[in-house]
């Protein structure tokens, strides 16, 4: 019972309850919201956001940020489509796209760690470089005439459950295990909490940071595959402002924007909140222009709550020491 109560009182538990409250409220207004077809659509829509936001959470936990994620998603989606049009088997271009995504993470990590460029400056610059490169190569034209096999991941299912949802659940399970049960995962938390102390403890800080950006790039590649294989055409402008959504999912789910703390299961719940709200706007016939404003408000509220909890914990520690 104590474990259950502790879980409910945790940030992740609060967000999970918020999801239920929002869903119940929308259902009271429009009962069709809880139909399986709509639930399936929500899960499919949240799948790529969840996978990509897990990588963003890892980066934020280290004390970094990635503003290039939207452009990278677009780049990887276009590469995925082009490789499919070349006639390569799905497993081959799946692996190639993941390798390319991991490489973009390596580029991020190398510039930030080795050249000492602040994460926000580095990733914003790369965002513009990738966007410019996409327009130069494609001329702004969409990728069309994709083979039918291209949509196996995005539109296929396994025992009635969409493939994208199955992939999301597998990735979430792996990510939670990696961060909480492995030494590299614990090193990420240590570096984010205090890089100097982590270095003194024998943790290779630079390798941990670069590795985190590489993992995030790999996850972003999987997200791009899940995303783009749902469609018969791939637009060159996909992923606009995606980094804001990923940051929102992480922060709403309890990841501290200051680094050092956060649970990835909370990131999944955060992504669910954003997706349900986006769907709710449609069901409640409210302008989708509110979506971005609500995202910003939720980020601000989550940060304020996190800062308040940090301040309260600091006061408790000081009170204990003085006492």
C-alpha atoms as a PDB file:
ATOM      1  CA  UNK A   1       0.000   0.000   0.000  1.00  0.00           C
ATOM      2  CA  UNK A   2       2.829   2.411   0.852  1.00  0.00           C
ATOM      3  CA  UNK A   3       4.419   1.720  -2.536  1.00  0.00           C
ATOM      4  CA  UNK A   4       1.134   2.488  -4.306  1.00  0.00           C
ATOM      5  CA  UNK A   5       0.648   5.727  -2.371  1.00  0.00           C
ATOM      6  CA  UNK A   6       4.231   6.749  -3.060  1.00  0.00           C
ATOM      7  CA  UNK A   7       3.672   6.128  -6.769  1.00  0.00           C
ATOM      8  CA  UNK A   8       0.477   8.193  -6.794  1.00  0.00           C
ATOM      9  CA  UNK A   9       2.201  11.090  -5.027  1.00  0.00           C
ATOM     10  CA  UNK A  10       5.181  11.020  -7.397  1.00  0.00           C
ATOM     11  CA  UNK A  11       5.384  13.412 -10.342  1.00  0.00           C
ATOM     12  CA  UNK A  12       4.775  10.520 -12.727  1.00  0.00           C
ATOM     13  CA  UNK A  13       1.735   9.413 -10.735  1.00  0.00           C
ATOM     14  CA  UNK A  14       0.276  12.920 -10.768  1.00  0.00           C
ATOM     15  CA  UNK A  15       0.695  13.159 -14.555  1.00  0.00           C
ATOM     16  CA  UNK A  16      -0.883   9.704 -15.018  1.00  0.00           C
ATOM     17  CA  UNK A  17      -3.888  10.813 -12.948  1.00  0.00           C
ATOM     18  CA  UNK A  18      -4.060  14.017 -14.997  1.00  0.00           C
ATOM     19  CA  UNK A  19      -4.336  11.906 -18.157  1.00  0.00           C
ATOM     20  CA  UNK A  20      -7.286   9.996 -16.684  1.00  0.00           C
ATOM     21  CA  UNK A  21      -8.990  13.205 -15.544  1.00  0.00           C
ATOM     22  CA  UNK A  22      -8.599  14.870 -18.945  1.00  0.00           C
ATOM     23  CA  UNK A  23      -9.835  11.748 -20.758  1.00  0.00           C
ATOM     24  CA  UNK A  24     -12.834  11.435 -18.422  1.00  0.00           C
ATOM     25  CA  UNK A  25     -13.708  15.106 -18.827  1.00  0.00           C
ATOM     26  CA  UNK A  26     -13.595  14.960 -22.636  1.00  0.00           C
ATOM     27  CA  UNK A  27     -15.638  11.734 -22.661  1.00  0.00           C
ATOM     28  CA  UNK A  28     -18.376  13.431 -20.649  1.00  0.00           C
ATOM     29  CA  UNK A  29     -18.629  16.091 -23.355  1.00  0.00           C
ATOM     30  CA  UNK A  30     -18.114  13.741 -26.305  1.00  0.00           C
ATOM     31  CA  UNK A  31     -18.528   9.990 -25.507  1.00  0.00           C
ATOM     32  CA  UNK A  32     -16.978   8.976 -28.848  1.00  0.00           C
ATOM     33  CA  UNK A  33     -13.592  10.065 -27.468  1.00  0.00           C
ATOM     34  CA  UNK A  34     -13.199   6.670 -25.764  1.00  0.00           C
ATOM     35  CA  UNK A  35     -13.910   4.608 -28.860  1.00  0.00           C
ATOM     36  CA  UNK A  36     -11.116   2.164 -29.701  1.00  0.00           C
ATOM     37  CA  UNK A  37     -10.528   3.797 -33.088  1.00  0.00           C
ATOM     38  CA  UNK A  38      -9.756   7.127 -31.397  1.00  0.00           C
ATOM     39  CA  UNK A  39      -7.640   5.535 -28.659  1.00  0.00           C
ATOM     40  CA  UNK A  40      -5.657   3.736 -31.357  1.00  0.00           C
ATOM     41  CA  UNK A  41      -5.132   7.016 -33.224  1.00  0.00           C
ATOM     42  CA  UNK A  42      -3.915   8.702 -30.026  1.00  0.00           C
ATOM     43  CA  UNK A  43      -1.451   5.885 -29.352  1.00  0.00           C
ATOM     44  CA  UNK A  44      -0.180   5.981 -32.936  1.00  0.00           C
ATOM     45  CA  UNK A  45       0.219   9.762 -32.778  1.00  0.00           C
ATOM     46  CA  UNK A  46       2.045   9.628 -29.451  1.00  0.00           C
ATOM     47  CA  UNK A  47       4.380   6.810 -30.503  1.00  0.00           C
ATOM     48  CA  UNK A  48       6.975   8.832 -32.413  1.00  0.00           C
ATOM     49  CA  UNK A  49       6.746  11.743 -29.957  1.00  0.00           C
ATOM     50  CA  UNK A  50       7.391   9.390 -27.040  1.00  0.00           C
ATOM     51  CA  UNK A  51      10.366   7.682 -28.692  1.00  0.00           C
ATOM     52  CA  UNK A  52      11.983  11.002 -29.635  1.00  0.00           C
ATOM     53  CA  UNK A  53      11.246  12.610 -26.247  1.00  0.00           C
ATOM     54  CA  UNK A  54      12.989   9.761 -24.410  1.00  0.00           C
ATOM     55  CA  UNK A  55      16.235  10.845 -26.064  1.00  0.00           C
ATOM     56  CA  UNK A  56      15.483  14.485 -25.274  1.00  0.00           C
ATOM     57  CA  UNK A  57      14.926  13.535 -21.629  1.00  0.00           C
ATOM     58  CA  UNK A  58      18.315  11.843 -21.454  1.00  0.00           C
ATOM     59  CA  UNK A  59      19.963  14.962 -22.861  1.00  0.00           C
ATOM     60  CA  UNK A  60      18.116  17.256 -20.449  1.00  0.00           C
ATOM     61  CA  UNK A  61      19.119  15.007 -17.541  1.00  0.00           C
ATOM     62  CA  UNK A  62      22.773  15.611 -18.494  1.00  0.00           C
ATOM     63  CA  UNK A  63      22.076  19.350 -18.316  1.00  0.00           C
ATOM     64  CA  UNK A  64      21.928  19.801 -22.093  1.00  0.00           C
ATOM     65  CA  UNK A  65      19.283  20.527 -24.721  1.00  0.00           C
ATOM     66  CA  UNK A  66      18.687  19.651 -28.373  1.00  0.00           C
ATOM     67  CA  UNK A  67      16.952  22.227 -30.594  1.00  0.00           C
ATOM     68  CA  UNK A  68      17.897  20.433 -33.819  1.00  0.00           C
ATOM     69  CA  UNK A  69      15.565  17.460 -33.355  1.00  0.00           C
ATOM     70  CA  UNK A  70      12.827  18.686 -35.711  1.00  0.00           C
ATOM     71  CA  UNK A  71      15.234  19.213 -38.591  1.00  0.00           C
ATOM     72  CA  UNK A  72      16.924  15.878 -37.893  1.00  0.00           C
ATOM     73  CA  UNK A  73      13.533  14.123 -37.946  1.00  0.00           C
ATOM     74  CA  UNK A  74      12.821  15.721 -41.334  1.00  0.00           C
ATOM     75  CA  UNK A  75      16.247  14.764 -42.681  1.00  0.00           C
ATOM     76  CA  UNK A  76      15.954  11.165 -41.486  1.00  0.00           C
ATOM     77  CA  UNK A  77      12.376  10.829 -42.766  1.00  0.00           C
ATOM     78  CA  UNK A  78      13.427  12.016 -46.222  1.00  0.00           C
ATOM     79  CA  UNK A  79      16.422   9.671 -46.225  1.00  0.00           C
ATOM     80  CA  UNK A  80      14.140   6.819 -45.197  1.00  0.00           C
ATOM     81  CA  UNK A  81      11.817   7.563 -48.098  1.00  0.00           C
ATOM     82  CA  UNK A  82      14.643   7.848 -50.629  1.00  0.00           C
ATOM     83  CA  UNK A  83      16.208   4.567 -49.494  1.00  0.00           C
ATOM     84  CA  UNK A  84      12.823   2.860 -49.791  1.00  0.00           C
ATOM     85  CA  UNK A  85      12.386   4.223 -53.339  1.00  0.00           C
ATOM     86  CA  UNK A  86      15.803   2.793 -54.226  1.00  0.00           C
ATOM     87  CA  UNK A  87      14.318  -0.650 -53.583  1.00  0.00           C
ATOM     88  CA  UNK A  88      16.332  -1.535 -50.496  1.00  0.00           C
ATOM     89  CA  UNK A  89      14.748  -4.101 -48.124  1.00  0.00           C
ATOM     90  CA  UNK A  90      13.060  -2.577 -45.076  1.00  0.00           C
ATOM     91  CA  UNK A  91      15.566  -3.966 -42.511  1.00  0.00           C
ATOM     92  CA  UNK A  92      18.450  -2.470 -44.512  1.00  0.00           C
ATOM     93  CA  UNK A  93      17.161   1.079 -44.704  1.00  0.00           C
ATOM     94  CA  UNK A  94      15.898   0.812 -41.127  1.00  0.00           C
ATOM     95  CA  UNK A  95      19.469   0.123 -39.959  1.00  0.00           C
ATOM     96  CA  UNK A  96      20.953   2.784 -42.260  1.00  0.00           C
ATOM     97  CA  UNK A  97      18.575   5.464 -40.959  1.00  0.00           C
ATOM     98  CA  UNK A  98      19.322   4.526 -37.338  1.00  0.00           C
ATOM     99  CA  UNK A  99      23.063   4.727 -38.073  1.00  0.00           C
ATOM    100  CA  UNK A 100      22.595   8.142 -39.696  1.00  0.00           C
ATOM    101  CA  UNK A 101      20.564   9.342 -36.708  1.00  0.00           C
ATOM    102  CA  UNK A 102      23.250   8.116 -34.330  1.00  0.00           C
ATOM    103  CA  UNK A 103      25.835   9.963 -36.418  1.00  0.00           C
ATOM    104  CA  UNK A 104      23.892  13.250 -36.136  1.00  0.00           C
ATOM    105  CA  UNK A 105      23.949  12.726 -32.374  1.00  0.00           C
ATOM    106  CA  UNK A 106      27.690  12.168 -32.538  1.00  0.00           C
ATOM    107  CA  UNK A 107      28.082  15.469 -34.406  1.00  0.00           C
ATOM    108  CA  UNK A 108      26.044  17.254 -31.724  1.00  0.00           C
ATOM    109  CA  UNK A 109      28.013  15.679 -28.905  1.00  0.00           C
ATOM    110  CA  UNK A 110      31.410  16.265 -30.490  1.00  0.00           C
ATOM    111  CA  UNK A 111      30.787  19.981 -31.128  1.00  0.00           C
ATOM    112  CA  UNK A 112      29.340  20.512 -27.649  1.00  0.00           C
ATOM    113  CA  UNK A 113      31.933  18.509 -25.719  1.00  0.00           C
ATOM    114  CA  UNK A 114      35.116  18.844 -27.740  1.00  0.00           C
ATOM    115  CA  UNK A 115      34.638  22.346 -29.143  1.00  0.00           C
ATOM    116  CA  UNK A 116      32.930  23.636 -25.985  1.00  0.00           C
ATOM    117  CA  UNK A 117      29.968  25.166 -27.803  1.00  0.00           C
ATOM    118  CA  UNK A 118      26.881  25.628 -25.565  1.00  0.00           C
ATOM    119  CA  UNK A 119      24.236  22.980 -26.392  1.00  0.00           C
ATOM    120  CA  UNK A 120      21.521  25.494 -27.322  1.00  0.00           C
ATOM    121  CA  UNK A 121      23.800  27.455 -29.681  1.00  0.00           C
ATOM    122  CA  UNK A 122      25.198  24.308 -31.288  1.00  0.00           C
ATOM    123  CA  UNK A 123      21.844  22.621 -31.890  1.00  0.00           C
ATOM    124  CA  UNK A 124      20.119  25.791 -33.088  1.00  0.00           C
ATOM    125  CA  UNK A 125      22.920  26.272 -35.642  1.00  0.00           C
ATOM    126  CA  UNK A 126      22.647  22.653 -36.761  1.00  0.00           C
ATOM    127  CA  UNK A 127      18.867  23.005 -37.013  1.00  0.00           C
ATOM    128  CA  UNK A 128      19.309  25.747 -39.607  1.00  0.00           C
ATOM    129  CA  UNK A 129      22.098  23.866 -41.399  1.00  0.00           C
ATOM    130  CA  UNK A 130      19.932  20.736 -41.727  1.00  0.00           C
ATOM    131  CA  UNK A 131      16.879  22.711 -42.853  1.00  0.00           C
ATOM    132  CA  UNK A 132      18.936  24.543 -45.456  1.00  0.00           C
ATOM    133  CA  UNK A 133      20.529  21.310 -46.679  1.00  0.00           C
ATOM    134  CA  UNK A 134      17.108  19.670 -47.037  1.00  0.00           C
ATOM    135  CA  UNK A 135      15.805  22.535 -49.177  1.00  0.00           C
ATOM    136  CA  UNK A 136      18.968  22.622 -51.306  1.00  0.00           C
ATOM    137  CA  UNK A 137      18.881  18.885 -52.032  1.00  0.00           C
ATOM    138  CA  UNK A 138      15.122  18.467 -52.522  1.00  0.00           C
ATOM    139  CA  UNK A 139      14.272  21.906 -53.900  1.00  0.00           C
ATOM    140  CA  UNK A 140      11.360  21.871 -51.472  1.00  0.00           C
ATOM    141  CA  UNK A 141       9.679  18.990 -53.321  1.00  0.00           C
ATOM    142  CA  UNK A 142       7.955  16.243 -51.374  1.00  0.00           C
ATOM    143  CA  UNK A 143       8.918  12.587 -51.718  1.00  0.00           C
ATOM    144  CA  UNK A 144       6.131  10.677 -53.446  1.00  0.00           C
ATOM    145  CA  UNK A 145       5.511   7.323 -55.175  1.00  0.00           C
ATOM    146  CA  UNK A 146       6.761   5.358 -52.197  1.00  0.00           C
ATOM    147  CA  UNK A 147       6.508   1.552 -52.416  1.00  0.00           C
ATOM    148  CA  UNK A 148       3.582  -0.166 -50.683  1.00  0.00           C
ATOM    149  CA  UNK A 149       5.974  -1.980 -48.336  1.00  0.00           C
ATOM    150  CA  UNK A 150       7.031   1.413 -46.954  1.00  0.00           C
ATOM    151  CA  UNK A 151       3.907   1.624 -44.788  1.00  0.00           C
ATOM    152  CA  UNK A 152       4.313  -1.751 -43.065  1.00  0.00           C
ATOM    153  CA  UNK A 153       5.636  -0.164 -39.863  1.00  0.00           C
ATOM    154  CA  UNK A 154       3.429   2.907 -39.805  1.00  0.00           C
ATOM    155  CA  UNK A 155       0.124   1.328 -40.846  1.00  0.00           C
ATOM    156  CA  UNK A 156       0.610  -2.366 -40.057  1.00  0.00           C
ATOM    157  CA  UNK A 157      -0.369  -4.088 -36.829  1.00  0.00           C
ATOM    158  CA  UNK A 158       0.507  -7.032 -34.627  1.00  0.00           C
ATOM    159  CA  UNK A 159      -2.511  -8.913 -33.259  1.00  0.00           C
ATOM    160  CA  UNK A 160      -4.633  -5.793 -33.674  1.00  0.00           C
ATOM    161  CA  UNK A 161      -2.099  -3.476 -32.020  1.00  0.00           C
ATOM    162  CA  UNK A 162      -0.434  -0.968 -34.389  1.00  0.00           C
ATOM    163  CA  UNK A 163       3.226  -1.736 -35.085  1.00  0.00           C
ATOM    164  CA  UNK A 164       4.179   1.822 -34.127  1.00  0.00           C
ATOM    165  CA  UNK A 165       2.643   1.297 -30.672  1.00  0.00           C
ATOM    166  CA  UNK A 166       4.462  -2.020 -30.229  1.00  0.00           C
ATOM    167  CA  UNK A 167       7.763  -0.357 -31.154  1.00  0.00           C
ATOM    168  CA  UNK A 168       7.039   2.500 -28.743  1.00  0.00           C
ATOM    169  CA  UNK A 169       6.364   0.114 -25.846  1.00  0.00           C
ATOM    170  CA  UNK A 170       9.544  -1.845 -26.565  1.00  0.00           C
ATOM    171  CA  UNK A 171      11.623   1.350 -26.719  1.00  0.00           C
ATOM    172  CA  UNK A 172      10.067   2.760 -23.523  1.00  0.00           C
ATOM    173  CA  UNK A 173      10.754  -0.506 -21.687  1.00  0.00           C
ATOM    174  CA  UNK A 174      14.364  -0.529 -22.888  1.00  0.00           C
ATOM    175  CA  UNK A 175      14.933   3.152 -22.065  1.00  0.00           C
ATOM    176  CA  UNK A 176      13.545   2.843 -18.524  1.00  0.00           C
ATOM    177  CA  UNK A 177      15.689  -0.251 -17.924  1.00  0.00           C
ATOM    178  CA  UNK A 178      18.771   1.434 -19.398  1.00  0.00           C
ATOM    179  CA  UNK A 179      18.494   4.565 -17.254  1.00  0.00           C
ATOM    180  CA  UNK A 180      17.570   2.855 -13.996  1.00  0.00           C
ATOM    181  CA  UNK A 181      19.381  -0.486 -14.150  1.00  0.00           C
ATOM    182  CA  UNK A 182      22.634   0.027 -16.050  1.00  0.00           C
ATOM    183  CA  UNK A 183      25.874   1.783 -15.182  1.00  0.00           C
ATOM    184  CA  UNK A 184      25.864   4.047 -18.279  1.00  0.00           C
ATOM    185  CA  UNK A 185      22.337   5.148 -17.383  1.00  0.00           C
ATOM    186  CA  UNK A 186      23.299   5.954 -13.808  1.00  0.00           C
ATOM    187  CA  UNK A 187      26.344   7.825 -15.152  1.00  0.00           C
ATOM    188  CA  UNK A 188      23.998  10.090 -17.124  1.00  0.00           C
ATOM    189  CA  UNK A 189      22.230  11.066 -13.899  1.00  0.00           C
ATOM    190  CA  UNK A 190      25.556  11.579 -12.132  1.00  0.00           C
ATOM    191  CA  UNK A 191      26.926  13.843 -14.860  1.00  0.00           C
ATOM    192  CA  UNK A 192      23.740  15.907 -14.852  1.00  0.00           C
ATOM    193  CA  UNK A 193      23.746  16.248 -11.081  1.00  0.00           C
ATOM    194  CA  UNK A 194      27.381  17.334 -10.755  1.00  0.00           C
ATOM    195  CA  UNK A 195      29.837  16.818 -13.603  1.00  0.00           C
ATOM    196  CA  UNK A 196      32.867  17.682 -11.458  1.00  0.00           C
ATOM    197  CA  UNK A 197      31.908  15.189  -8.753  1.00  0.00           C
ATOM    198  CA  UNK A 198      31.178  12.569 -11.409  1.00  0.00           C
ATOM    199  CA  UNK A 199      34.642  13.095 -12.895  1.00  0.00           C
ATOM    200  CA  UNK A 200      36.246  12.695  -9.462  1.00  0.00           C
ATOM    201  CA  UNK A 201      34.259   9.489  -9.020  1.00  0.00           C
ATOM    202  CA  UNK A 202      35.931   8.054 -12.122  1.00  0.00           C
ATOM    203  CA  UNK A 203      33.092   8.612 -14.590  1.00  0.00           C
ATOM    204  CA  UNK A 204      34.242   9.563 -18.077  1.00  0.00           C
ATOM    205  CA  UNK A 205      32.105  12.671 -18.407  1.00  0.00           C
ATOM    206  CA  UNK A 206      32.924  13.539 -22.024  1.00  0.00           C
ATOM    207  CA  UNK A 207      32.241  10.014 -23.246  1.00  0.00           C
ATOM    208  CA  UNK A 208      28.978   9.937 -21.285  1.00  0.00           C
ATOM    209  CA  UNK A 209      27.804  13.231 -22.822  1.00  0.00           C
ATOM    210  CA  UNK A 210      28.711  12.269 -26.378  1.00  0.00           C
ATOM    211  CA  UNK A 211      27.174   8.827 -25.870  1.00  0.00           C
ATOM    212  CA  UNK A 212      23.934  10.407 -24.629  1.00  0.00           C
ATOM    213  CA  UNK A 213      23.613  12.552 -27.758  1.00  0.00           C
ATOM    214  CA  UNK A 214      24.323   9.485 -29.897  1.00  0.00           C
ATOM    215  CA  UNK A 215      21.611   7.466 -28.137  1.00  0.00           C
ATOM    216  CA  UNK A 216      19.211  10.362 -28.585  1.00  0.00           C
ATOM    217  CA  UNK A 217      20.056  10.496 -32.283  1.00  0.00           C
ATOM    218  CA  UNK A 218      19.378   6.778 -32.619  1.00  0.00           C
ATOM    219  CA  UNK A 219      16.031   7.139 -30.855  1.00  0.00           C
ATOM    220  CA  UNK A 220      15.171  10.091 -33.080  1.00  0.00           C
ATOM    221  CA  UNK A 221      15.887   7.880 -36.093  1.00  0.00           C
ATOM    222  CA  UNK A 222      13.479   5.219 -34.832  1.00  0.00           C
ATOM    223  CA  UNK A 223      10.911   7.957 -34.211  1.00  0.00           C
ATOM    224  CA  UNK A 224      11.363   9.243 -37.770  1.00  0.00           C
ATOM    225  CA  UNK A 225      10.763   5.767 -39.194  1.00  0.00           C
ATOM    226  CA  UNK A 226       7.626   5.311 -37.084  1.00  0.00           C
ATOM    227  CA  UNK A 227       6.449   8.769 -38.161  1.00  0.00           C
ATOM    228  CA  UNK A 228       7.146   8.835 -41.889  1.00  0.00           C
ATOM    229  CA  UNK A 229       5.972   5.276 -42.643  1.00  0.00           C
ATOM    230  CA  UNK A 230       2.419   6.312 -41.745  1.00  0.00           C
ATOM    231  CA  UNK A 231       2.160   8.431 -44.880  1.00  0.00           C
ATOM    232  CA  UNK A 232       2.274   7.949 -48.635  1.00  0.00           C
ATOM    233  CA  UNK A 233       4.246  11.183 -49.108  1.00  0.00           C
ATOM    234  CA  UNK A 234       6.962  12.841 -47.033  1.00  0.00           C
ATOM    235  CA  UNK A 235       6.952  16.623 -46.726  1.00  0.00           C
ATOM    236  CA  UNK A 236      10.192  18.578 -46.466  1.00  0.00           C
ATOM    237  CA  UNK A 237       8.872  20.793 -43.650  1.00  0.00           C
ATOM    238  CA  UNK A 238       7.952  18.057 -41.164  1.00  0.00           C
ATOM    239  CA  UNK A 239       9.195  18.439 -37.609  1.00  0.00           C
ATOM    240  CA  UNK A 240       8.662  22.202 -37.300  1.00  0.00           C
ATOM    241  CA  UNK A 241       8.937  23.157 -33.596  1.00  0.00           C
ATOM    242  CA  UNK A 242       9.242  19.465 -32.691  1.00  0.00           C
ATOM    243  CA  UNK A 243      11.922  20.262 -30.103  1.00  0.00           C
ATOM    244  CA  UNK A 244       9.367  22.290 -28.117  1.00  0.00           C
ATOM    245  CA  UNK A 245       7.019  19.295 -27.996  1.00  0.00           C
ATOM    246  CA  UNK A 246       9.821  16.962 -26.911  1.00  0.00           C
ATOM    247  CA  UNK A 247      11.025  19.352 -24.218  1.00  0.00           C
ATOM    248  CA  UNK A 248       7.433  19.767 -23.035  1.00  0.00           C
ATOM    249  CA  UNK A 249       6.911  15.999 -22.808  1.00  0.00           C
ATOM    250  CA  UNK A 250      10.106  15.585 -20.792  1.00  0.00           C
ATOM    251  CA  UNK A 251       9.519  18.495 -18.417  1.00  0.00           C
ATOM    252  CA  UNK A 252       5.814  17.770 -17.877  1.00  0.00           C
ATOM    253  CA  UNK A 253       6.788  14.170 -17.102  1.00  0.00           C
ATOM    254  CA  UNK A 254       9.087  15.300 -14.302  1.00  0.00           C
ATOM    255  CA  UNK A 255      12.506  15.709 -15.915  1.00  0.00           C
ATOM    256  CA  UNK A 256      14.277  18.634 -14.270  1.00  0.00           C
ATOM    257  CA  UNK A 257      15.215  21.326 -16.777  1.00  0.00           C
ATOM    258  CA  UNK A 258      18.299  21.902 -14.606  1.00  0.00           C
ATOM    259  CA  UNK A 259      19.448  18.311 -15.164  1.00  0.00           C
ATOM    260  CA  UNK A 260      20.267  15.452 -12.828  1.00  0.00           C
ATOM    261  CA  UNK A 261      16.787  14.012 -12.286  1.00  0.00           C
ATOM    262  CA  UNK A 262      13.798  12.607 -14.127  1.00  0.00           C
ATOM    263  CA  UNK A 263      12.163   9.273 -14.919  1.00  0.00           C
ATOM    264  CA  UNK A 264      11.555   8.231 -18.489  1.00  0.00           C
ATOM    265  CA  UNK A 265       8.199   6.635 -17.701  1.00  0.00           C
ATOM    266  CA  UNK A 266       7.151  10.160 -16.753  1.00  0.00           C
ATOM    267  CA  UNK A 267       8.259  11.339 -20.199  1.00  0.00           C
ATOM    268  CA  UNK A 268       5.866   8.826 -21.751  1.00  0.00           C
ATOM    269  CA  UNK A 269       3.032  10.188 -19.604  1.00  0.00           C
ATOM    270  CA  UNK A 270       4.042  13.745 -20.548  1.00  0.00           C
ATOM    271  CA  UNK A 271       3.846  12.870 -24.242  1.00  0.00           C
ATOM    272  CA  UNK A 272       0.424  11.313 -23.631  1.00  0.00           C
ATOM    273  CA  UNK A 273      -0.847  14.504 -21.976  1.00  0.00           C
ATOM    274  CA  UNK A 274       0.229  16.619 -24.957  1.00  0.00           C
ATOM    275  CA  UNK A 275      -1.284  14.230 -27.501  1.00  0.00           C
ATOM    276  CA  UNK A 276      -4.569  13.876 -25.629  1.00  0.00           C
ATOM    277  CA  UNK A 277      -4.881  17.649 -25.313  1.00  0.00           C
ATOM    278  CA  UNK A 278      -4.204  18.034 -29.040  1.00  0.00           C
ATOM    279  CA  UNK A 279      -6.905  15.465 -29.815  1.00  0.00           C
ATOM    280  CA  UNK A 280      -9.261  17.048 -27.277  1.00  0.00           C
ATOM    281  CA  UNK A 281      -9.099  20.384 -29.094  1.00  0.00           C
ATOM    282  CA  UNK A 282     -10.504  18.660 -32.175  1.00  0.00           C
ATOM    283  CA  UNK A 283     -13.235  16.824 -30.251  1.00  0.00           C
ATOM    284  CA  UNK A 284     -14.236  19.955 -28.370  1.00  0.00           C
ATOM    285  CA  UNK A 285     -14.171  21.984 -31.610  1.00  0.00           C
ATOM    286  CA  UNK A 286     -11.591  24.425 -30.233  1.00  0.00           C
ATOM    287  CA  UNK A 287      -9.097  26.076 -32.574  1.00  0.00           C
ATOM    288  CA  UNK A 288      -5.844  24.112 -32.821  1.00  0.00           C
ATOM    289  CA  UNK A 289      -4.032  27.449 -32.552  1.00  0.00           C
ATOM    290  CA  UNK A 290      -4.413  26.938 -28.802  1.00  0.00           C
ATOM    291  CA  UNK A 291      -2.173  23.869 -28.973  1.00  0.00           C
ATOM    292  CA  UNK A 292       1.156  25.699 -28.916  1.00  0.00           C
ATOM    293  CA  UNK A 293      -0.064  28.147 -26.263  1.00  0.00           C
ATOM    294  CA  UNK A 294      -1.124  25.259 -24.033  1.00  0.00           C
ATOM    295  CA  UNK A 295       2.238  23.551 -24.566  1.00  0.00           C
ATOM    296  CA  UNK A 296       4.036  26.691 -23.440  1.00  0.00           C
ATOM    297  CA  UNK A 297       1.769  27.059 -20.407  1.00  0.00           C
ATOM    298  CA  UNK A 298       2.316  23.425 -19.392  1.00  0.00           C
ATOM    299  CA  UNK A 299       6.093  23.788 -19.739  1.00  0.00           C
ATOM    300  CA  UNK A 300       6.041  26.909 -17.556  1.00  0.00           C
ATOM    301  CA  UNK A 301       3.844  25.268 -14.924  1.00  0.00           C
ATOM    302  CA  UNK A 302       6.020  22.135 -14.877  1.00  0.00           C
ATOM    303  CA  UNK A 303       9.200  24.210 -14.481  1.00  0.00           C
ATOM    304  CA  UNK A 304       7.655  26.276 -11.674  1.00  0.00           C
ATOM    305  CA  UNK A 305       6.520  23.127  -9.879  1.00  0.00           C
ATOM    306  CA  UNK A 306       9.993  21.639 -10.284  1.00  0.00           C
ATOM    307  CA  UNK A 307      11.667  24.787  -8.969  1.00  0.00           C
ATOM    308  CA  UNK A 308       9.271  24.887  -6.021  1.00  0.00           C
ATOM    309  CA  UNK A 309       9.996  21.251  -5.130  1.00  0.00           C
ATOM    310  CA  UNK A 310      13.748  21.909  -5.451  1.00  0.00           C
ATOM    311  CA  UNK A 311      13.484  24.951  -3.199  1.00  0.00           C
ATOM    312  CA  UNK A 312      11.444  23.026  -0.630  1.00  0.00           C
ATOM    313  CA  UNK A 313      13.916  20.121  -0.668  1.00  0.00           C
ATOM    314  CA  UNK A 314      16.797  22.587  -0.213  1.00  0.00           C
ATOM    315  CA  UNK A 315      15.085  24.156   2.788  1.00  0.00           C
ATOM    316  CA  UNK A 316      14.462  20.717   4.285  1.00  0.00           C
ATOM    317  CA  UNK A 317      18.135  19.795   3.927  1.00  0.00           C
ATOM    318  CA  UNK A 318      19.287  23.078   5.427  1.00  0.00           C
ATOM    319  CA  UNK A 319      16.811  22.708   8.271  1.00  0.00           C
ATOM    320  CA  UNK A 320      18.061  19.189   8.947  1.00  0.00           C
ATOM    321  CA  UNK A 321      21.687  20.332   8.950  1.00  0.00           C
ATOM    322  CA  UNK A 322      21.050  23.277  11.242  1.00  0.00           C
ATOM    323  CA  UNK A 323      18.951  21.137  13.502  1.00  0.00           C
END
